[in-house]
């Protein structure tokens, strides 16, 4: 399990100022339970913990220098986010891909995210547009799955960021967390060399990003909303056609 140790003498109830996650320890002002939650969430979202993989509470607590209490709290939070499954007598596992859940999550995203982008588009600053252009070009150039997923997430969430609707944006971020495993499966499906209906699908995603960016650059909420809804819908249908992904 790819977790980085935290000093065992950390105050279990206080707040610690320490290095950022990239440095391997708690962020400033972060409770230990929040550290454990973030660390496990990152391991799931970045693919170091795979769907169906067992999460052993004792091992996590030992490696992070924590008691089992913050670990249990972290697992409950991650269950609420749809990233972990908890079952009596069998412990915690990374949530598996589920077709019914997948369909529901993408139908919700198809309704919420077009609203966010329509509210955001007219309010995006020149600096925000420049950032979106940079992210779009980075997405087109990368062939690394983890990098692609991270950049794609940043691109879309940045496109919504100017919407004056903080509750909606928080909901959307939660749904992105819950669909990360499905997004990884989608990337694998469209990037693998193949013949047939999925051939050339990744370049189509590039085209959609270009169209979306064009609408945002023009601050056109109606075009941005329509293009995004189609983009989410096509993503959902593409992976829905790969039933074997959900049978694994």
C-alpha atoms as a PDB file:
ATOM      1  CA  UNK A   1       0.000   0.000   0.000  1.00  0.00           C
ATOM      2  CA  UNK A   2       1.524   3.282  -1.097  1.00  0.00           C
ATOM      3  CA  UNK A   3       1.193   5.302   2.097  1.00  0.00           C
ATOM      4  CA  UNK A   4       3.891   7.552   3.522  1.00  0.00           C
ATOM      5  CA  UNK A   5       4.579   7.462   7.255  1.00  0.00           C
ATOM      6  CA  UNK A   6       3.667  10.287   9.608  1.00  0.00           C
ATOM      7  CA  UNK A   7       5.742  10.695  12.786  1.00  0.00           C
ATOM      8  CA  UNK A   8       4.215   8.602  15.559  1.00  0.00           C
ATOM      9  CA  UNK A   9       4.584  11.440  18.102  1.00  0.00           C
ATOM     10  CA  UNK A  10       1.986  13.596  16.305  1.00  0.00           C
ATOM     11  CA  UNK A  11      -0.658  14.961  18.674  1.00  0.00           C
ATOM     12  CA  UNK A  12      -3.696  12.781  17.947  1.00  0.00           C
ATOM     13  CA  UNK A  13      -6.194  15.494  18.916  1.00  0.00           C
ATOM     14  CA  UNK A  14      -4.393  18.731  18.090  1.00  0.00           C
ATOM     15  CA  UNK A  15      -3.503  20.337  14.777  1.00  0.00           C
ATOM     16  CA  UNK A  16      -0.040  20.140  13.293  1.00  0.00           C
ATOM     17  CA  UNK A  17       1.769  22.434  10.892  1.00  0.00           C
ATOM     18  CA  UNK A  18       3.882  20.219   8.681  1.00  0.00           C
ATOM     19  CA  UNK A  19       4.861  19.593   5.107  1.00  0.00           C
ATOM     20  CA  UNK A  20       2.407  19.422   2.212  1.00  0.00           C
ATOM     21  CA  UNK A  21       1.280  16.027   0.910  1.00  0.00           C
ATOM     22  CA  UNK A  22       4.009  16.102  -1.718  1.00  0.00           C
ATOM     23  CA  UNK A  23       6.476  16.098   1.151  1.00  0.00           C
ATOM     24  CA  UNK A  24       4.768  13.131   2.768  1.00  0.00           C
ATOM     25  CA  UNK A  25       3.309  14.646   5.948  1.00  0.00           C
ATOM     26  CA  UNK A  26       0.299  16.556   7.215  1.00  0.00           C
ATOM     27  CA  UNK A  27      -0.638  19.943   5.856  1.00  0.00           C
ATOM     28  CA  UNK A  28      -0.795  22.930   8.175  1.00  0.00           C
ATOM     29  CA  UNK A  29      -3.868  22.870  10.389  1.00  0.00           C
ATOM     30  CA  UNK A  30      -4.925  19.344   9.413  1.00  0.00           C
ATOM     31  CA  UNK A  31      -6.307  16.844  11.934  1.00  0.00           C
ATOM     32  CA  UNK A  32      -4.866  13.349  11.852  1.00  0.00           C
ATOM     33  CA  UNK A  33      -8.208  11.916  10.716  1.00  0.00           C
ATOM     34  CA  UNK A  34      -8.165  14.351   7.803  1.00  0.00           C
ATOM     35  CA  UNK A  35      -4.617  13.268   6.956  1.00  0.00           C
ATOM     36  CA  UNK A  36      -5.650   9.600   6.858  1.00  0.00           C
ATOM     37  CA  UNK A  37      -8.730  10.417   4.757  1.00  0.00           C
ATOM     38  CA  UNK A  38      -6.728  12.458   2.264  1.00  0.00           C
ATOM     39  CA  UNK A  39      -3.977   9.847   2.033  1.00  0.00           C
ATOM     40  CA  UNK A  40      -6.399   6.978   1.371  1.00  0.00           C
ATOM     41  CA  UNK A  41      -8.466   9.093  -1.024  1.00  0.00           C
ATOM     42  CA  UNK A  42      -5.351  10.004  -3.014  1.00  0.00           C
ATOM     43  CA  UNK A  43      -4.242   6.365  -3.169  1.00  0.00           C
ATOM     44  CA  UNK A  44      -7.659   5.374  -4.550  1.00  0.00           C
ATOM     45  CA  UNK A  45      -8.036   8.262  -6.989  1.00  0.00           C
ATOM     46  CA  UNK A  46      -4.494   7.858  -8.302  1.00  0.00           C
ATOM     47  CA  UNK A  47      -4.860   4.097  -8.762  1.00  0.00           C
ATOM     48  CA  UNK A  48      -2.441   2.855  -6.109  1.00  0.00           C
ATOM     49  CA  UNK A  49      -5.391   1.109  -4.467  1.00  0.00           C
ATOM     50  CA  UNK A  50      -7.461  -0.752  -7.048  1.00  0.00           C
ATOM     51  CA  UNK A  51     -11.204  -1.562  -7.132  1.00  0.00           C
ATOM     52  CA  UNK A  52     -11.985  -4.456  -4.821  1.00  0.00           C
ATOM     53  CA  UNK A  53      -8.654  -4.263  -2.982  1.00  0.00           C
ATOM     54  CA  UNK A  54      -8.783  -4.852   0.773  1.00  0.00           C
ATOM     55  CA  UNK A  55      -7.874  -1.927   3.035  1.00  0.00           C
ATOM     56  CA  UNK A  56      -6.459  -3.290   6.290  1.00  0.00           C
ATOM     57  CA  UNK A  57      -7.138  -0.862   9.110  1.00  0.00           C
ATOM     58  CA  UNK A  58      -4.298  -2.145  11.283  1.00  0.00           C
ATOM     59  CA  UNK A  59      -1.760  -1.725   8.477  1.00  0.00           C
ATOM     60  CA  UNK A  60      -2.951   1.795   7.675  1.00  0.00           C
ATOM     61  CA  UNK A  61      -2.872   2.795  11.347  1.00  0.00           C
ATOM     62  CA  UNK A  62       0.599   1.330  11.810  1.00  0.00           C
ATOM     63  CA  UNK A  63       2.041   2.957   8.701  1.00  0.00           C
ATOM     64  CA  UNK A  64       0.590   6.368   9.515  1.00  0.00           C
ATOM     65  CA  UNK A  65       1.475   6.206  13.190  1.00  0.00           C
ATOM     66  CA  UNK A  66      -2.192   6.508  14.162  1.00  0.00           C
ATOM     67  CA  UNK A  67      -4.719   4.667  16.278  1.00  0.00           C
ATOM     68  CA  UNK A  68      -7.543   2.810  14.563  1.00  0.00           C
ATOM     69  CA  UNK A  69     -10.065   5.537  15.459  1.00  0.00           C
ATOM     70  CA  UNK A  70      -8.996   8.086  12.807  1.00  0.00           C
ATOM     71  CA  UNK A  71      -8.664   5.230  10.308  1.00  0.00           C
ATOM     72  CA  UNK A  72     -12.259   4.149  10.938  1.00  0.00           C
ATOM     73  CA  UNK A  73     -13.393   7.776  10.644  1.00  0.00           C
ATOM     74  CA  UNK A  74     -11.531   8.078   7.335  1.00  0.00           C
ATOM     75  CA  UNK A  75     -13.127   4.905   5.963  1.00  0.00           C
ATOM     76  CA  UNK A  76     -16.611   6.109   6.918  1.00  0.00           C
ATOM     77  CA  UNK A  77     -15.977   9.391   5.126  1.00  0.00           C
ATOM     78  CA  UNK A  78     -14.687   7.592   2.039  1.00  0.00           C
ATOM     79  CA  UNK A  79     -17.713   5.292   2.096  1.00  0.00           C
ATOM     80  CA  UNK A  80     -19.914   8.405   2.019  1.00  0.00           C
ATOM     81  CA  UNK A  81     -17.929   9.560  -1.026  1.00  0.00           C
ATOM     82  CA  UNK A  82     -18.530   6.245  -2.766  1.00  0.00           C
ATOM     83  CA  UNK A  83     -14.848   5.296  -2.815  1.00  0.00           C
ATOM     84  CA  UNK A  84     -14.906   2.553  -0.161  1.00  0.00           C
ATOM     85  CA  UNK A  85     -17.276  -0.309   0.657  1.00  0.00           C
ATOM     86  CA  UNK A  86     -17.668  -1.361   4.304  1.00  0.00           C
ATOM     87  CA  UNK A  87     -19.231  -4.675   5.257  1.00  0.00           C
ATOM     88  CA  UNK A  88     -19.592  -6.400   8.654  1.00  0.00           C
ATOM     89  CA  UNK A  89     -16.982  -9.117   9.271  1.00  0.00           C
ATOM     90  CA  UNK A  90     -15.263  -8.502   5.928  1.00  0.00           C
ATOM     91  CA  UNK A  91     -13.762  -5.063   6.529  1.00  0.00           C
ATOM     92  CA  UNK A  92     -13.135  -2.294   4.037  1.00  0.00           C
ATOM     93  CA  UNK A  93     -12.451  -2.578   0.335  1.00  0.00           C
ATOM     94  CA  UNK A  94     -12.027  -0.091  -2.462  1.00  0.00           C
ATOM     95  CA  UNK A  95     -15.411   0.199  -4.165  1.00  0.00           C
ATOM     96  CA  UNK A  96     -15.780  -1.941  -7.272  1.00  0.00           C
ATOM     97  CA  UNK A  97     -17.126  -0.748 -10.588  1.00  0.00           C
ATOM     98  CA  UNK A  98     -20.907  -1.048 -10.553  1.00  0.00           C
ATOM     99  CA  UNK A  99     -22.977  -0.479 -13.681  1.00  0.00           C
ATOM    100  CA  UNK A 100     -26.088   0.811 -11.893  1.00  0.00           C
ATOM    101  CA  UNK A 101     -24.034   3.233  -9.813  1.00  0.00           C
ATOM    102  CA  UNK A 102     -22.100   4.328 -12.888  1.00  0.00           C
ATOM    103  CA  UNK A 103     -25.277   5.077 -14.825  1.00  0.00           C
ATOM    104  CA  UNK A 104     -26.780   7.032 -11.934  1.00  0.00           C
ATOM    105  CA  UNK A 105     -23.637   9.088 -11.301  1.00  0.00           C
ATOM    106  CA  UNK A 106     -23.261  10.078 -14.926  1.00  0.00           C
ATOM    107  CA  UNK A 107     -26.934  10.982 -15.255  1.00  0.00           C
ATOM    108  CA  UNK A 108     -26.522  13.294 -12.268  1.00  0.00           C
ATOM    109  CA  UNK A 109     -23.330  14.781 -13.698  1.00  0.00           C
ATOM    110  CA  UNK A 110     -25.098  15.327 -17.018  1.00  0.00           C
ATOM    111  CA  UNK A 111     -27.588  17.577 -15.223  1.00  0.00           C
ATOM    112  CA  UNK A 112     -25.377  19.408 -12.722  1.00  0.00           C
ATOM    113  CA  UNK A 113     -22.226  20.199 -14.672  1.00  0.00           C
ATOM    114  CA  UNK A 114     -23.879  21.934 -17.648  1.00  0.00           C
ATOM    115  CA  UNK A 115     -25.560  24.259 -15.132  1.00  0.00           C
ATOM    116  CA  UNK A 116     -22.195  25.016 -13.522  1.00  0.00           C
ATOM    117  CA  UNK A 117     -20.446  25.738 -16.804  1.00  0.00           C
ATOM    118  CA  UNK A 118     -23.301  27.949 -18.042  1.00  0.00           C
ATOM    119  CA  UNK A 119     -22.977  30.043 -14.881  1.00  0.00           C
ATOM    120  CA  UNK A 120     -19.187  30.061 -15.063  1.00  0.00           C
ATOM    121  CA  UNK A 121     -18.575  30.824 -18.747  1.00  0.00           C
ATOM    122  CA  UNK A 122     -19.534  34.536 -18.778  1.00  0.00           C
ATOM    123  CA  UNK A 123     -17.542  35.134 -15.591  1.00  0.00           C
ATOM    124  CA  UNK A 124     -14.211  33.529 -16.520  1.00  0.00           C
ATOM    125  CA  UNK A 125     -11.292  35.937 -16.394  1.00  0.00           C
ATOM    126  CA  UNK A 126      -8.642  36.223 -19.089  1.00  0.00           C
ATOM    127  CA  UNK A 127      -6.241  34.495 -16.684  1.00  0.00           C
ATOM    128  CA  UNK A 128      -8.684  31.605 -16.233  1.00  0.00           C
ATOM    129  CA  UNK A 129      -9.064  31.233 -20.000  1.00  0.00           C
ATOM    130  CA  UNK A 130      -5.276  31.176 -20.386  1.00  0.00           C
ATOM    131  CA  UNK A 131      -5.061  28.449 -17.729  1.00  0.00           C
ATOM    132  CA  UNK A 132      -7.736  26.404 -19.496  1.00  0.00           C
ATOM    133  CA  UNK A 133      -5.868  26.680 -22.793  1.00  0.00           C
ATOM    134  CA  UNK A 134      -2.671  25.510 -21.115  1.00  0.00           C
ATOM    135  CA  UNK A 135      -4.434  22.539 -19.513  1.00  0.00           C
ATOM    136  CA  UNK A 136      -6.117  21.594 -22.790  1.00  0.00           C
ATOM    137  CA  UNK A 137      -2.772  21.525 -24.617  1.00  0.00           C
ATOM    138  CA  UNK A 138      -1.186  19.478 -21.825  1.00  0.00           C
ATOM    139  CA  UNK A 139      -4.015  16.939 -22.046  1.00  0.00           C
ATOM    140  CA  UNK A 140      -3.442  16.573 -25.776  1.00  0.00           C
ATOM    141  CA  UNK A 141       0.282  15.975 -25.327  1.00  0.00           C
ATOM    142  CA  UNK A 142       0.279  13.423 -22.503  1.00  0.00           C
ATOM    143  CA  UNK A 143       0.090   9.662 -22.971  1.00  0.00           C
ATOM    144  CA  UNK A 144       0.388   8.821 -19.276  1.00  0.00           C
ATOM    145  CA  UNK A 145      -2.973   7.698 -17.815  1.00  0.00           C
ATOM    146  CA  UNK A 146      -2.470   9.213 -14.340  1.00  0.00           C
ATOM    147  CA  UNK A 147      -1.344  12.522 -15.806  1.00  0.00           C
ATOM    148  CA  UNK A 148      -4.238  12.557 -18.295  1.00  0.00           C
ATOM    149  CA  UNK A 149      -6.789  11.904 -15.557  1.00  0.00           C
ATOM    150  CA  UNK A 150      -5.343  14.617 -13.309  1.00  0.00           C
ATOM    151  CA  UNK A 151      -5.197  17.199 -16.111  1.00  0.00           C
ATOM    152  CA  UNK A 152      -8.679  16.346 -17.386  1.00  0.00           C
ATOM    153  CA  UNK A 153     -10.067  16.798 -13.866  1.00  0.00           C
ATOM    154  CA  UNK A 154      -8.304  20.135 -13.469  1.00  0.00           C
ATOM    155  CA  UNK A 155      -9.547  21.329 -16.868  1.00  0.00           C
ATOM    156  CA  UNK A 156     -13.179  20.583 -16.167  1.00  0.00           C
ATOM    157  CA  UNK A 157     -13.261  21.803 -12.570  1.00  0.00           C
ATOM    158  CA  UNK A 158     -11.459  25.007 -13.626  1.00  0.00           C
ATOM    159  CA  UNK A 159     -14.097  25.564 -16.296  1.00  0.00           C
ATOM    160  CA  UNK A 160     -16.787  25.588 -13.564  1.00  0.00           C
ATOM    161  CA  UNK A 161     -14.818  27.585 -10.995  1.00  0.00           C
ATOM    162  CA  UNK A 162     -16.266  31.027 -11.798  1.00  0.00           C
ATOM    163  CA  UNK A 163     -19.841  29.907 -11.133  1.00  0.00           C
ATOM    164  CA  UNK A 164     -21.145  31.799  -8.057  1.00  0.00           C
ATOM    165  CA  UNK A 165     -22.643  28.570  -6.694  1.00  0.00           C
ATOM    166  CA  UNK A 166     -20.317  27.091  -4.026  1.00  0.00           C
ATOM    167  CA  UNK A 167     -22.706  24.317  -2.963  1.00  0.00           C
ATOM    168  CA  UNK A 168     -23.083  23.144  -6.537  1.00  0.00           C
ATOM    169  CA  UNK A 169     -19.321  23.173  -7.076  1.00  0.00           C
ATOM    170  CA  UNK A 170     -18.782  21.133  -3.918  1.00  0.00           C
ATOM    171  CA  UNK A 171     -21.355  18.588  -5.067  1.00  0.00           C
ATOM    172  CA  UNK A 172     -19.699  18.322  -8.473  1.00  0.00           C
ATOM    173  CA  UNK A 173     -16.274  17.752  -6.946  1.00  0.00           C
ATOM    174  CA  UNK A 174     -17.742  14.941  -4.851  1.00  0.00           C
ATOM    175  CA  UNK A 175     -19.228  13.301  -7.933  1.00  0.00           C
ATOM    176  CA  UNK A 176     -15.855  13.571  -9.685  1.00  0.00           C
ATOM    177  CA  UNK A 177     -14.291  11.717  -6.755  1.00  0.00           C
ATOM    178  CA  UNK A 178     -16.966   9.029  -7.006  1.00  0.00           C
ATOM    179  CA  UNK A 179     -16.479   8.584 -10.758  1.00  0.00           C
ATOM    180  CA  UNK A 180     -12.669   8.518 -10.775  1.00  0.00           C
ATOM    181  CA  UNK A 181     -12.521   4.726 -11.114  1.00  0.00           C
ATOM    182  CA  UNK A 182     -14.923   4.906 -14.056  1.00  0.00           C
ATOM    183  CA  UNK A 183     -12.898   7.669 -15.688  1.00  0.00           C
ATOM    184  CA  UNK A 184      -9.784   5.517 -15.396  1.00  0.00           C
ATOM    185  CA  UNK A 185     -11.638   2.637 -17.050  1.00  0.00           C
ATOM    186  CA  UNK A 186     -12.863   4.999 -19.781  1.00  0.00           C
ATOM    187  CA  UNK A 187      -9.325   6.195 -20.506  1.00  0.00           C
ATOM    188  CA  UNK A 188      -8.094   2.598 -20.731  1.00  0.00           C
ATOM    189  CA  UNK A 189     -10.942   1.765 -23.111  1.00  0.00           C
ATOM    190  CA  UNK A 190     -10.374   4.653 -25.507  1.00  0.00           C
ATOM    191  CA  UNK A 191      -6.566   4.689 -25.456  1.00  0.00           C
ATOM    192  CA  UNK A 192      -5.952   0.991 -26.100  1.00  0.00           C
ATOM    193  CA  UNK A 193      -5.131   0.162 -29.760  1.00  0.00           C
ATOM    194  CA  UNK A 194      -8.148  -1.557 -31.284  1.00  0.00           C
ATOM    195  CA  UNK A 195     -10.359  -1.882 -34.301  1.00  0.00           C
ATOM    196  CA  UNK A 196     -14.077  -1.332 -34.241  1.00  0.00           C
ATOM    197  CA  UNK A 197     -16.373   1.250 -32.650  1.00  0.00           C
ATOM    198  CA  UNK A 198     -13.903   2.562 -30.060  1.00  0.00           C
ATOM    199  CA  UNK A 199     -11.087   3.144 -32.542  1.00  0.00           C
ATOM    200  CA  UNK A 200     -10.093   6.790 -32.595  1.00  0.00           C
ATOM    201  CA  UNK A 201     -12.265   7.643 -29.577  1.00  0.00           C
ATOM    202  CA  UNK A 202      -9.534   9.459 -27.665  1.00  0.00           C
ATOM    203  CA  UNK A 203      -8.994  11.997 -30.483  1.00  0.00           C
ATOM    204  CA  UNK A 204     -12.756  12.616 -30.365  1.00  0.00           C
ATOM    205  CA  UNK A 205     -12.334  13.590 -26.714  1.00  0.00           C
ATOM    206  CA  UNK A 206      -9.645  16.034 -27.828  1.00  0.00           C
ATOM    207  CA  UNK A 207     -12.049  17.548 -30.352  1.00  0.00           C
ATOM    208  CA  UNK A 208     -14.729  17.920 -27.678  1.00  0.00           C
ATOM    209  CA  UNK A 209     -12.283  19.672 -25.374  1.00  0.00           C
ATOM    210  CA  UNK A 210     -11.372  22.046 -28.207  1.00  0.00           C
ATOM    211  CA  UNK A 211     -15.028  22.829 -28.877  1.00  0.00           C
ATOM    212  CA  UNK A 212     -15.665  23.357 -25.198  1.00  0.00           C
ATOM    213  CA  UNK A 213     -12.684  25.670 -24.853  1.00  0.00           C
ATOM    214  CA  UNK A 214     -13.832  27.675 -27.881  1.00  0.00           C
ATOM    215  CA  UNK A 215     -17.226  28.242 -26.246  1.00  0.00           C
ATOM    216  CA  UNK A 216     -15.579  29.255 -22.981  1.00  0.00           C
ATOM    217  CA  UNK A 217     -13.172  31.612 -24.731  1.00  0.00           C
ATOM    218  CA  UNK A 218     -16.210  33.285 -26.323  1.00  0.00           C
ATOM    219  CA  UNK A 219     -17.917  33.306 -22.896  1.00  0.00           C
ATOM    220  CA  UNK A 220     -20.896  31.614 -24.532  1.00  0.00           C
ATOM    221  CA  UNK A 221     -22.934  29.855 -21.813  1.00  0.00           C
ATOM    222  CA  UNK A 222     -25.402  28.177 -24.182  1.00  0.00           C
ATOM    223  CA  UNK A 223     -22.743  26.584 -26.398  1.00  0.00           C
ATOM    224  CA  UNK A 224     -20.638  25.572 -23.406  1.00  0.00           C
ATOM    225  CA  UNK A 225     -23.655  23.961 -21.736  1.00  0.00           C
ATOM    226  CA  UNK A 226     -24.682  22.017 -24.850  1.00  0.00           C
ATOM    227  CA  UNK A 227     -21.171  20.815 -25.692  1.00  0.00           C
ATOM    228  CA  UNK A 228     -20.498  19.697 -22.120  1.00  0.00           C
ATOM    229  CA  UNK A 229     -23.773  17.793 -21.867  1.00  0.00           C
ATOM    230  CA  UNK A 230     -22.942  15.938 -25.072  1.00  0.00           C
ATOM    231  CA  UNK A 231     -19.378  15.279 -23.843  1.00  0.00           C
ATOM    232  CA  UNK A 232     -20.565  13.725 -20.571  1.00  0.00           C
ATOM    233  CA  UNK A 233     -23.283  11.742 -22.322  1.00  0.00           C
ATOM    234  CA  UNK A 234     -20.883  10.293 -24.888  1.00  0.00           C
ATOM    235  CA  UNK A 235     -18.419   9.324 -22.142  1.00  0.00           C
ATOM    236  CA  UNK A 236     -21.180   7.510 -20.283  1.00  0.00           C
ATOM    237  CA  UNK A 237     -22.368   5.634 -23.364  1.00  0.00           C
ATOM    238  CA  UNK A 238     -18.841   4.692 -24.416  1.00  0.00           C
ATOM    239  CA  UNK A 239     -18.044   2.872 -21.195  1.00  0.00           C
ATOM    240  CA  UNK A 240     -21.582   1.480 -20.921  1.00  0.00           C
ATOM    241  CA  UNK A 241     -20.776  -0.420 -24.115  1.00  0.00           C
ATOM    242  CA  UNK A 242     -17.912  -2.182 -22.341  1.00  0.00           C
ATOM    243  CA  UNK A 243     -19.908  -4.450 -20.036  1.00  0.00           C
ATOM    244  CA  UNK A 244     -16.833  -6.593 -19.326  1.00  0.00           C
ATOM    245  CA  UNK A 245     -15.358  -3.681 -17.369  1.00  0.00           C
ATOM    246  CA  UNK A 246     -18.152  -4.028 -14.795  1.00  0.00           C
ATOM    247  CA  UNK A 247     -17.974  -7.826 -14.669  1.00  0.00           C
ATOM    248  CA  UNK A 248     -14.364  -7.957 -13.503  1.00  0.00           C
END
